[in-house]
Amino acid sequence: MANVNLREAHDQFKNFLKSKSRSNATIVAYGKDIDQLITFLETLAKNHVHEITKEDIESFLAKLTQEGYTPKSISRKINSTRTFYRFLKVNEYVTDDPSLLVAHPQYVLGAPRILTPTEYRALRDAARNDPRMYAVIQLLLQTGIRIGELAELRLSDIMPEGLKIRPVEKHEERIVPMNQSVRDALERYQKARPQVKDDHLFVTKSGRPFLIRNIRTAVERYFRLAEIKGAKVNDLRHTFIAHHLKHGVSLVLLSKVVGHKRLSTTERYLEYVKDRAKENTHLTEL
């Protein structure tokens, strides 16, 4: 077993994630989580992968708790650590995985924030004079795609049969239906889109890809302009799912459209939907 330095292993881990076509957002998130863990371990004078124990990881998590991290955030950091250790084991840098001995904290998922018709109409109205952001908001609201999927869209992904969503990480490729409102918003945006070589659908004025963090910041700005409190970008996806469940769209169809790996993930929204209509197979416009 090699005596591998933690920092060297961290760099190799990030390269490993890139080789597996993980999204930039995932690579950054995992990288920061492991960097935070390693920084803590260095305070314990532990600099090599084989030196780390279950107690060291638990001490790190206890420190995060004292600093005010939520159970959900701590659970995510445990997942990052376990992914890091899977990489270490595959490369035979370690034989044991102490992260498997660390229990996830228990927490209850909060209810999804579902926008009212008044709210999402106000959001659209606030962005109406910005063709790019109006198209972004319409896409997120009217198709239910993830923000990461939106950031990866290419011009060629706009197809007669719908919007092609490329496979990202464990999510398979799928075709998402587009209603006329979405097509109109995209057509308007494409007329205003900078004429650049980059084939990303959404680009900046300088022609660079419109990154996830910048998309999120821009959408949240329009939430504020529309005076919508307590809403985030992912709530547009929640709203799409809840709206279609309320209007009776088949759970199986909706699960495929939004790319849920498990039907139970879609079913979870039923408890937030009242007066569900008779089941049908037609998506409706928001």
C-alpha atoms as a PDB file:
ATOM      1  CA  MET A   1       0.000   0.000   0.000  1.00  0.00           C
ATOM      2  CA  ALA A   2       1.450   3.334  -1.086  1.00  0.00           C
ATOM      3  CA  ASN A   3       2.135   6.078   1.459  1.00  0.00           C
ATOM      4  CA  VAL A   4       0.060   8.730  -0.322  1.00  0.00           C
ATOM      5  CA  ASN A   5      -0.096  12.380   0.728  1.00  0.00           C
ATOM      6  CA  LEU A   6      -3.633  13.689   1.275  1.00  0.00           C
ATOM      7  CA  ARG A   7      -3.144  16.770  -0.900  1.00  0.00           C
ATOM      8  CA  GLU A   8      -1.760  14.678  -3.765  1.00  0.00           C
ATOM      9  CA  ALA A   9      -4.687  12.278  -3.424  1.00  0.00           C
ATOM     10  CA  HIS A  10      -7.082  15.230  -3.468  1.00  0.00           C
ATOM     11  CA  ASP A  11      -5.652  16.484  -6.786  1.00  0.00           C
ATOM     12  CA  GLN A  12      -5.881  12.994  -8.274  1.00  0.00           C
ATOM     13  CA  PHE A  13      -9.445  12.674  -7.010  1.00  0.00           C
ATOM     14  CA  LYS A  14     -10.544  15.816  -8.861  1.00  0.00           C
ATOM     15  CA  ASN A  15      -8.908  14.551 -12.056  1.00  0.00           C
ATOM     16  CA  PHE A  16     -10.678  11.234 -11.536  1.00  0.00           C
ATOM     17  CA  LEU A  17     -14.055  12.994 -11.309  1.00  0.00           C
ATOM     18  CA  LYS A  18     -13.312  14.871 -14.545  1.00  0.00           C
ATOM     19  CA  SER A  19     -12.425  11.601 -16.282  1.00  0.00           C
ATOM     20  CA  LYS A  20     -15.825  10.242 -15.234  1.00  0.00           C
ATOM     21  CA  SER A  21     -17.552  13.227 -16.889  1.00  0.00           C
ATOM     22  CA  ARG A  22     -18.913  14.549 -13.617  1.00  0.00           C
ATOM     23  CA  SER A  23     -20.420  18.008 -13.912  1.00  0.00           C
ATOM     24  CA  ASN A  24     -18.290  21.043 -13.050  1.00  0.00           C
ATOM     25  CA  ALA A  25     -20.663  21.814 -10.177  1.00  0.00           C
ATOM     26  CA  THR A  26     -20.131  18.331  -8.694  1.00  0.00           C
ATOM     27  CA  ILE A  27     -16.359  18.503  -9.089  1.00  0.00           C
ATOM     28  CA  VAL A  28     -16.251  21.888  -7.370  1.00  0.00           C
ATOM     29  CA  ALA A  29     -18.572  20.762  -4.546  1.00  0.00           C
ATOM     30  CA  TYR A  30     -16.694  17.508  -3.868  1.00  0.00           C
ATOM     31  CA  GLY A  31     -13.371  19.317  -4.171  1.00  0.00           C
ATOM     32  CA  LYS A  32     -14.353  21.907  -1.565  1.00  0.00           C
ATOM     33  CA  ASP A  33     -15.734  19.278   0.812  1.00  0.00           C
ATOM     34  CA  ILE A  34     -12.564  17.188   0.685  1.00  0.00           C
ATOM     35  CA  ASP A  35     -10.339  20.255   0.916  1.00  0.00           C
ATOM     36  CA  GLN A  36     -12.231  21.234   4.090  1.00  0.00           C
ATOM     37  CA  LEU A  37     -11.734  17.740   5.511  1.00  0.00           C
ATOM     38  CA  ILE A  38      -8.017  17.710   4.691  1.00  0.00           C
ATOM     39  CA  THR A  39      -7.492  21.165   6.205  1.00  0.00           C
ATOM     40  CA  PHE A  40      -9.006  19.866   9.450  1.00  0.00           C
ATOM     41  CA  LEU A  41      -6.919  16.678   9.361  1.00  0.00           C
ATOM     42  CA  GLU A  42      -3.755  18.743   8.938  1.00  0.00           C
ATOM     43  CA  THR A  43      -4.518  20.423  12.272  1.00  0.00           C
ATOM     44  CA  LEU A  44      -4.279  16.916  13.730  1.00  0.00           C
ATOM     45  CA  ALA A  45      -0.884  16.486  12.045  1.00  0.00           C
ATOM     46  CA  LYS A  46      -2.294  13.825   9.729  1.00  0.00           C
ATOM     47  CA  ASN A  47      -1.068  14.220   6.174  1.00  0.00           C
ATOM     48  CA  HIS A  48      -1.351  10.774   4.614  1.00  0.00           C
ATOM     49  CA  VAL A  49      -4.405   8.782   3.595  1.00  0.00           C
ATOM     50  CA  HIS A  50      -3.596   5.669   5.617  1.00  0.00           C
ATOM     51  CA  GLU A  51      -3.462   7.667   8.889  1.00  0.00           C
ATOM     52  CA  ILE A  52      -7.138   8.664   8.944  1.00  0.00           C
ATOM     53  CA  THR A  53      -9.512   6.968  11.371  1.00  0.00           C
ATOM     54  CA  LYS A  54     -13.261   6.922  11.953  1.00  0.00           C
ATOM     55  CA  GLU A  55     -12.710   9.113  15.019  1.00  0.00           C
ATOM     56  CA  ASP A  56     -10.882  11.725  12.919  1.00  0.00           C
ATOM     57  CA  ILE A  57     -13.819  11.992  10.519  1.00  0.00           C
ATOM     58  CA  GLU A  58     -16.297  12.173  13.402  1.00  0.00           C
ATOM     59  CA  SER A  59     -14.241  14.964  15.000  1.00  0.00           C
ATOM     60  CA  PHE A  60     -14.390  16.867  11.711  1.00  0.00           C
ATOM     61  CA  LEU A  61     -18.174  16.477  11.559  1.00  0.00           C
ATOM     62  CA  ALA A  62     -18.532  17.507  15.207  1.00  0.00           C
ATOM     63  CA  LYS A  63     -16.588  20.680  14.436  1.00  0.00           C
ATOM     64  CA  LEU A  64     -18.948  21.428  11.536  1.00  0.00           C
ATOM     65  CA  THR A  65     -21.925  20.969  13.855  1.00  0.00           C
ATOM     66  CA  GLN A  66     -20.433  23.436  16.327  1.00  0.00           C
ATOM     67  CA  GLU A  67     -19.959  25.906  13.465  1.00  0.00           C
ATOM     68  CA  GLY A  68     -23.662  25.735  12.644  1.00  0.00           C
ATOM     69  CA  TYR A  69     -23.738  23.424   9.629  1.00  0.00           C
ATOM     70  CA  THR A  70     -27.128  21.785   9.126  1.00  0.00           C
ATOM     71  CA  PRO A  71     -27.582  17.991   9.298  1.00  0.00           C
ATOM     72  CA  LYS A  72     -28.301  18.031   5.555  1.00  0.00           C
ATOM     73  CA  SER A  73     -24.986  19.784   4.809  1.00  0.00           C
ATOM     74  CA  ILE A  74     -23.104  17.381   7.065  1.00  0.00           C
ATOM     75  CA  SER A  75     -24.765  14.425   5.347  1.00  0.00           C
ATOM     76  CA  ARG A  76     -23.574  15.774   2.001  1.00  0.00           C
ATOM     77  CA  LYS A  77     -20.017  16.020   3.296  1.00  0.00           C
ATOM     78  CA  ILE A  78     -20.186  12.396   4.416  1.00  0.00           C
ATOM     79  CA  ASN A  79     -21.246  11.438   0.890  1.00  0.00           C
ATOM     80  CA  SER A  80     -18.317  13.412  -0.543  1.00  0.00           C
ATOM     81  CA  THR A  81     -15.935  11.659   1.869  1.00  0.00           C
ATOM     82  CA  ARG A  82     -17.274   8.239   0.897  1.00  0.00           C
ATOM     83  CA  THR A  83     -16.838   9.042  -2.786  1.00  0.00           C
ATOM     84  CA  PHE A  84     -13.261  10.110  -2.027  1.00  0.00           C
ATOM     85  CA  TYR A  85     -12.609   6.822  -0.224  1.00  0.00           C
ATOM     86  CA  ARG A  86     -14.058   4.775  -3.079  1.00  0.00           C
ATOM     87  CA  PHE A  87     -11.473   6.463  -5.287  1.00  0.00           C
ATOM     88  CA  LEU A  88      -8.714   5.694  -2.750  1.00  0.00           C
ATOM     89  CA  LYS A  89      -9.701   2.015  -2.582  1.00  0.00           C
ATOM     90  CA  VAL A  90      -9.921   1.618  -6.355  1.00  0.00           C
ATOM     91  CA  ASN A  91      -6.362   2.929  -6.595  1.00  0.00           C
ATOM     92  CA  GLU A  92      -5.275   0.707  -3.681  1.00  0.00           C
ATOM     93  CA  TYR A  93      -4.154   3.694  -1.625  1.00  0.00           C
ATOM     94  CA  VAL A  94      -6.092   2.309   1.345  1.00  0.00           C
ATOM     95  CA  THR A  95      -7.543  -1.075   2.272  1.00  0.00           C
ATOM     96  CA  ASP A  96     -10.143   0.101   4.784  1.00  0.00           C
ATOM     97  CA  ASP A  97     -12.795   2.811   4.491  1.00  0.00           C
ATOM     98  CA  PRO A  98     -13.417   4.534   7.853  1.00  0.00           C
ATOM     99  CA  SER A  99     -16.102   6.756   6.317  1.00  0.00           C
ATOM    100  CA  LEU A 100     -18.438   3.744   6.108  1.00  0.00           C
ATOM    101  CA  LEU A 101     -18.384   3.542   9.915  1.00  0.00           C
ATOM    102  CA  VAL A 102     -19.667   7.117  10.250  1.00  0.00           C
ATOM    103  CA  ALA A 103     -23.456   7.441  10.477  1.00  0.00           C
ATOM    104  CA  HIS A 104     -25.434  10.061   8.608  1.00  0.00           C
ATOM    105  CA  PRO A 105     -27.274  12.547  10.838  1.00  0.00           C
ATOM    106  CA  GLN A 106     -31.033  12.261  10.723  1.00  0.00           C
ATOM    107  CA  TYR A 107     -33.013  15.109   9.216  1.00  0.00           C
ATOM    108  CA  VAL A 108     -36.443  15.667   7.749  1.00  0.00           C
ATOM    109  CA  LEU A 109     -36.758  17.003   4.229  1.00  0.00           C
ATOM    110  CA  GLY A 110     -38.605  20.291   4.198  1.00  0.00           C
ATOM    111  CA  ALA A 111     -41.650  20.819   2.023  1.00  0.00           C
ATOM    112  CA  PRO A 112     -40.785  22.030  -1.485  1.00  0.00           C
ATOM    113  CA  ARG A 113     -41.491  25.696  -2.202  1.00  0.00           C
ATOM    114  CA  ILE A 114     -44.220  25.704  -4.859  1.00  0.00           C
ATOM    115  CA  LEU A 115     -44.879  29.026  -6.541  1.00  0.00           C
ATOM    116  CA  THR A 116     -48.446  30.217  -6.928  1.00  0.00           C
ATOM    117  CA  PRO A 117     -49.704  31.223 -10.396  1.00  0.00           C
ATOM    118  CA  THR A 118     -49.548  34.853  -9.283  1.00  0.00           C
ATOM    119  CA  GLU A 119     -45.900  34.443  -8.295  1.00  0.00           C
ATOM    120  CA  TYR A 120     -44.624  32.720 -11.414  1.00  0.00           C
ATOM    121  CA  ARG A 121     -46.528  35.114 -13.653  1.00  0.00           C
ATOM    122  CA  ALA A 122     -44.960  38.032 -11.777  1.00  0.00           C
ATOM    123  CA  LEU A 123     -41.532  36.418 -12.239  1.00  0.00           C
ATOM    124  CA  ARG A 124     -42.053  36.133 -15.981  1.00  0.00           C
ATOM    125  CA  ASP A 125     -43.292  39.690 -16.194  1.00  0.00           C
ATOM    126  CA  ALA A 126     -40.213  40.938 -14.331  1.00  0.00           C
ATOM    127  CA  ALA A 127     -37.910  39.276 -16.892  1.00  0.00           C
ATOM    128  CA  ARG A 128     -39.950  39.992 -20.012  1.00  0.00           C
ATOM    129  CA  ASN A 129     -37.570  42.677 -21.322  1.00  0.00           C
ATOM    130  CA  ASP A 130     -34.527  40.404 -20.942  1.00  0.00           C
ATOM    131  CA  PRO A 131     -34.780  37.783 -23.751  1.00  0.00           C
ATOM    132  CA  ARG A 132     -32.104  35.519 -22.293  1.00  0.00           C
ATOM    133  CA  MET A 133     -33.442  35.436 -18.740  1.00  0.00           C
ATOM    134  CA  TYR A 134     -37.038  35.230 -19.925  1.00  0.00           C
ATOM    135  CA  ALA A 135     -36.072  32.113 -21.936  1.00  0.00           C
ATOM    136  CA  VAL A 136     -34.171  30.679 -18.947  1.00  0.00           C
ATOM    137  CA  ILE A 137     -37.144  31.162 -16.634  1.00  0.00           C
ATOM    138  CA  GLN A 138     -39.617  29.759 -19.167  1.00  0.00           C
ATOM    139  CA  LEU A 139     -37.451  26.693 -19.714  1.00  0.00           C
ATOM    140  CA  LEU A 140     -37.037  25.963 -16.005  1.00  0.00           C
ATOM    141  CA  LEU A 141     -40.705  26.581 -15.278  1.00  0.00           C
ATOM    142  CA  GLN A 142     -42.313  24.976 -18.342  1.00  0.00           C
ATOM    143  CA  THR A 143     -40.062  21.907 -18.763  1.00  0.00           C
ATOM    144  CA  GLY A 144     -38.915  21.134 -15.208  1.00  0.00           C
ATOM    145  CA  ILE A 145     -35.295  20.582 -16.218  1.00  0.00           C
ATOM    146  CA  ARG A 146     -32.476  21.005 -13.703  1.00  0.00           C
ATOM    147  CA  ILE A 147     -30.346  24.139 -13.695  1.00  0.00           C
ATOM    148  CA  GLY A 148     -27.266  22.032 -14.470  1.00  0.00           C
ATOM    149  CA  GLU A 149     -29.041  20.538 -17.475  1.00  0.00           C
ATOM    150  CA  LEU A 150     -30.017  23.986 -18.685  1.00  0.00           C
ATOM    151  CA  ALA A 151     -26.416  25.210 -18.443  1.00  0.00           C
ATOM    152  CA  GLU A 152     -25.248  22.295 -20.628  1.00  0.00           C
ATOM    153  CA  LEU A 153     -27.792  22.831 -23.432  1.00  0.00           C
ATOM    154  CA  ARG A 154     -26.400  23.266 -26.940  1.00  0.00           C
ATOM    155  CA  LEU A 155     -28.044  24.965 -29.917  1.00  0.00           C
ATOM    156  CA  SER A 156     -28.475  21.561 -31.562  1.00  0.00           C
ATOM    157  CA  ASP A 157     -30.477  20.292 -28.577  1.00  0.00           C
ATOM    158  CA  ILE A 158     -33.536  22.248 -29.705  1.00  0.00           C
ATOM    159  CA  MET A 159     -35.288  19.622 -31.807  1.00  0.00           C
ATOM    160  CA  PRO A 160     -38.711  19.347 -33.506  1.00  0.00           C
ATOM    161  CA  GLU A 161     -39.732  16.597 -31.070  1.00  0.00           C
ATOM    162  CA  GLY A 162     -38.548  18.457 -27.978  1.00  0.00           C
ATOM    163  CA  LEU A 163     -35.488  19.455 -26.010  1.00  0.00           C
ATOM    164  CA  LYS A 164     -32.635  16.953 -25.837  1.00  0.00           C
ATOM    165  CA  ILE A 165     -31.212  16.703 -22.326  1.00  0.00           C
ATOM    166  CA  ARG A 166     -27.724  15.278 -22.381  1.00  0.00           C
ATOM    167  CA  PRO A 167     -26.661  12.584 -19.906  1.00  0.00           C
ATOM    168  CA  VAL A 168     -25.051  14.099 -16.827  1.00  0.00           C
ATOM    169  CA  GLU A 169     -23.470  11.876 -14.188  1.00  0.00           C
ATOM    170  CA  LYS A 170     -26.040   9.146 -13.436  1.00  0.00           C
ATOM    171  CA  HIS A 171     -28.908  10.814 -15.306  1.00  0.00           C
ATOM    172  CA  GLU A 172     -29.701   9.319 -18.694  1.00  0.00           C
ATOM    173  CA  GLU A 173     -30.353  11.259 -21.882  1.00  0.00           C
ATOM    174  CA  ARG A 174     -33.998  12.138 -22.457  1.00  0.00           C
ATOM    175  CA  ILE A 175     -36.238  14.249 -24.665  1.00  0.00           C
ATOM    176  CA  VAL A 176     -38.349  16.825 -22.842  1.00  0.00           C
ATOM    177  CA  PRO A 177     -41.515  18.205 -24.480  1.00  0.00           C
ATOM    178  CA  MET A 178     -41.627  21.957 -25.149  1.00  0.00           C
ATOM    179  CA  ASN A 179     -44.860  23.925 -25.374  1.00  0.00           C
ATOM    180  CA  GLN A 180     -45.322  26.875 -27.693  1.00  0.00           C
ATOM    181  CA  SER A 181     -44.500  29.423 -24.981  1.00  0.00           C
ATOM    182  CA  VAL A 182     -41.069  27.858 -24.522  1.00  0.00           C
ATOM    183  CA  ARG A 183     -40.424  27.681 -28.256  1.00  0.00           C
ATOM    184  CA  ASP A 184     -41.447  31.329 -28.659  1.00  0.00           C
ATOM    185  CA  ALA A 185     -39.142  32.382 -25.795  1.00  0.00           C
ATOM    186  CA  LEU A 186     -36.224  30.449 -27.279  1.00  0.00           C
ATOM    187  CA  GLU A 187     -36.804  31.867 -30.753  1.00  0.00           C
ATOM    188  CA  ARG A 188     -36.842  35.393 -29.337  1.00  0.00           C
ATOM    189  CA  TYR A 189     -33.665  34.770 -27.357  1.00  0.00           C
ATOM    190  CA  GLN A 190     -31.819  33.244 -30.320  1.00  0.00           C
ATOM    191  CA  LYS A 191     -32.458  36.406 -32.336  1.00  0.00           C
ATOM    192  CA  ALA A 192     -30.775  38.427 -29.574  1.00  0.00           C
ATOM    193  CA  ARG A 193     -28.077  35.843 -28.779  1.00  0.00           C
ATOM    194  CA  PRO A 194     -24.470  36.977 -29.493  1.00  0.00           C
ATOM    195  CA  GLN A 195     -23.155  35.442 -32.718  1.00  0.00           C
ATOM    196  CA  VAL A 196     -20.282  33.439 -31.264  1.00  0.00           C
ATOM    197  CA  LYS A 197     -18.517  30.159 -32.000  1.00  0.00           C
ATOM    198  CA  ASP A 198     -19.439  28.558 -28.669  1.00  0.00           C
ATOM    199  CA  ASP A 199     -22.424  26.274 -29.235  1.00  0.00           C
ATOM    200  CA  HIS A 200     -23.845  26.499 -25.723  1.00  0.00           C
ATOM    201  CA  LEU A 201     -27.431  27.676 -26.003  1.00  0.00           C
ATOM    202  CA  PHE A 202     -27.065  30.227 -23.219  1.00  0.00           C
ATOM    203  CA  VAL A 203     -23.983  32.426 -23.371  1.00  0.00           C
ATOM    204  CA  THR A 204     -22.800  35.703 -21.883  1.00  0.00           C
ATOM    205  CA  LYS A 205     -22.413  38.948 -23.836  1.00  0.00           C
ATOM    206  CA  SER A 206     -18.744  38.053 -24.324  1.00  0.00           C
ATOM    207  CA  GLY A 207     -19.736  34.694 -25.805  1.00  0.00           C
ATOM    208  CA  ARG A 208     -18.753  32.443 -22.910  1.00  0.00           C
ATOM    209  CA  PRO A 209     -21.041  29.730 -21.485  1.00  0.00           C
ATOM    210  CA  PHE A 210     -23.607  31.035 -18.987  1.00  0.00           C
ATOM    211  CA  LEU A 211     -22.441  29.204 -15.855  1.00  0.00           C
ATOM    212  CA  ILE A 212     -24.702  27.619 -13.231  1.00  0.00           C
ATOM    213  CA  ARG A 213     -23.732  30.046 -10.482  1.00  0.00           C
ATOM    214  CA  ASN A 214     -24.415  33.022 -12.752  1.00  0.00           C
ATOM    215  CA  ILE A 215     -27.754  31.586 -13.891  1.00  0.00           C
ATOM    216  CA  ARG A 216     -28.759  31.088 -10.251  1.00  0.00           C
ATOM    217  CA  THR A 217     -27.723  34.639  -9.319  1.00  0.00           C
ATOM    218  CA  ALA A 218     -29.629  36.110 -12.271  1.00  0.00           C
ATOM    219  CA  VAL A 219     -32.837  34.169 -11.550  1.00  0.00           C
ATOM    220  CA  GLU A 220     -32.704  35.107  -7.874  1.00  0.00           C
ATOM    221  CA  ARG A 221     -32.359  38.763  -8.919  1.00  0.00           C
ATOM    222  CA  TYR A 222     -35.637  38.479 -10.797  1.00  0.00           C
ATOM    223  CA  PHE A 223     -37.257  36.806  -7.795  1.00  0.00           C
ATOM    224  CA  ARG A 224     -36.369  39.953  -5.848  1.00  0.00           C
ATOM    225  CA  LEU A 225     -37.598  42.262  -8.606  1.00  0.00           C
ATOM    226  CA  ALA A 226     -40.900  40.351  -8.651  1.00  0.00           C
ATOM    227  CA  GLU A 227     -41.031  40.611  -4.836  1.00  0.00           C
ATOM    228  CA  ILE A 228     -41.247  36.831  -4.415  1.00  0.00           C
ATOM    229  CA  LYS A 229     -40.018  35.867  -0.952  1.00  0.00           C
ATOM    230  CA  GLY A 230     -38.186  32.699   0.038  1.00  0.00           C
ATOM    231  CA  ALA A 231     -37.893  31.223  -3.463  1.00  0.00           C
ATOM    232  CA  LYS A 232     -34.868  29.646  -5.164  1.00  0.00           C
ATOM    233  CA  VAL A 233     -34.109  28.444  -8.678  1.00  0.00           C
ATOM    234  CA  ASN A 234     -34.970  24.796  -7.910  1.00  0.00           C
ATOM    235  CA  ASP A 235     -38.456  25.912  -6.874  1.00  0.00           C
ATOM    236  CA  LEU A 236     -39.296  26.403 -10.551  1.00  0.00           C
ATOM    237  CA  ARG A 237     -38.767  22.656 -11.010  1.00  0.00           C
ATOM    238  CA  HIS A 238     -40.828  21.926  -7.881  1.00  0.00           C
ATOM    239  CA  THR A 239     -43.598  24.114  -9.283  1.00  0.00           C
ATOM    240  CA  PHE A 240     -43.560  22.300 -12.643  1.00  0.00           C
ATOM    241  CA  ILE A 241     -43.925  18.912 -10.927  1.00  0.00           C
ATOM    242  CA  ALA A 242     -46.660  20.017  -8.523  1.00  0.00           C
ATOM    243  CA  HIS A 243     -48.614  21.782 -11.271  1.00  0.00           C
ATOM    244  CA  HIS A 244     -48.730  18.678 -13.464  1.00  0.00           C
ATOM    245  CA  LEU A 245     -49.566  16.341 -10.618  1.00  0.00           C
ATOM    246  CA  LYS A 246     -52.463  18.627  -9.714  1.00  0.00           C
ATOM    247  CA  HIS A 247     -53.679  18.471 -13.308  1.00  0.00           C
ATOM    248  CA  GLY A 248     -53.612  14.688 -13.279  1.00  0.00           C
ATOM    249  CA  VAL A 249     -50.517  13.945 -15.356  1.00  0.00           C
ATOM    250  CA  SER A 250     -49.433  10.316 -14.964  1.00  0.00           C
ATOM    251  CA  LEU A 251     -46.763   9.769 -12.311  1.00  0.00           C
ATOM    252  CA  VAL A 252     -44.823   7.515 -14.660  1.00  0.00           C
ATOM    253  CA  LEU A 253     -44.859  10.070 -17.490  1.00  0.00           C
ATOM    254  CA  LEU A 254     -43.940  12.972 -15.216  1.00  0.00           C
ATOM    255  CA  SER A 255     -41.117  11.000 -13.618  1.00  0.00           C
ATOM    256  CA  LYS A 256     -39.628  10.351 -17.073  1.00  0.00           C
ATOM    257  CA  VAL A 257     -40.006  13.967 -18.174  1.00  0.00           C
ATOM    258  CA  VAL A 258     -38.171  15.386 -15.141  1.00  0.00           C
ATOM    259  CA  GLY A 259     -35.572  12.613 -15.081  1.00  0.00           C
ATOM    260  CA  HIS A 260     -36.270  11.128 -11.665  1.00  0.00           C
ATOM    261  CA  LYS A 261     -34.451   7.822 -11.230  1.00  0.00           C
ATOM    262  CA  ARG A 262     -37.110   6.562  -8.823  1.00  0.00           C
ATOM    263  CA  LEU A 263     -40.871   6.907  -9.109  1.00  0.00           C
ATOM    264  CA  SER A 264     -40.983   7.427  -5.338  1.00  0.00           C
ATOM    265  CA  THR A 265     -39.189  10.760  -5.783  1.00  0.00           C
ATOM    266  CA  THR A 266     -42.081  12.003  -7.916  1.00  0.00           C
ATOM    267  CA  GLU A 267     -44.681  10.465  -5.590  1.00  0.00           C
ATOM    268  CA  ARG A 268     -43.305  12.527  -2.691  1.00  0.00           C
ATOM    269  CA  TYR A 269     -44.910  15.624  -4.206  1.00  0.00           C
ATOM    270  CA  LEU A 270     -48.408  14.156  -3.972  1.00  0.00           C
ATOM    271  CA  GLU A 271     -48.714  15.129  -0.310  1.00  0.00           C
ATOM    272  CA  TYR A 272     -48.368  18.787  -1.335  1.00  0.00           C
ATOM    273  CA  VAL A 273     -51.004  18.605  -4.076  1.00  0.00           C
ATOM    274  CA  LYS A 274     -54.683  19.006  -3.246  1.00  0.00           C
ATOM    275  CA  ASP A 275     -57.658  18.097  -5.445  1.00  0.00           C
ATOM    276  CA  ARG A 276     -55.698  16.089  -8.018  1.00  0.00           C
ATOM    277  CA  ALA A 277     -57.553  15.886 -11.342  1.00  0.00           C
ATOM    278  CA  LYS A 278     -58.383  12.689 -13.196  1.00  0.00           C
ATOM    279  CA  GLU A 279     -55.209  11.047 -14.520  1.00  0.00           C
ATOM    280  CA  ASN A 280     -54.176  11.988 -18.066  1.00  0.00           C
ATOM    281  CA  THR A 281     -51.109  11.972 -20.293  1.00  0.00           C
ATOM    282  CA  HIS A 282     -51.041  15.619 -21.413  1.00  0.00           C
ATOM    283  CA  LEU A 283     -48.662  18.248 -20.092  1.00  0.00           C
ATOM    284  CA  THR A 284     -50.258  21.640 -19.636  1.00  0.00           C
ATOM    285  CA  GLU A 285     -48.867  25.156 -19.828  1.00  0.00           C
ATOM    286  CA  LEU A 286     -48.105  27.174 -16.723  1.00  0.00           C
END
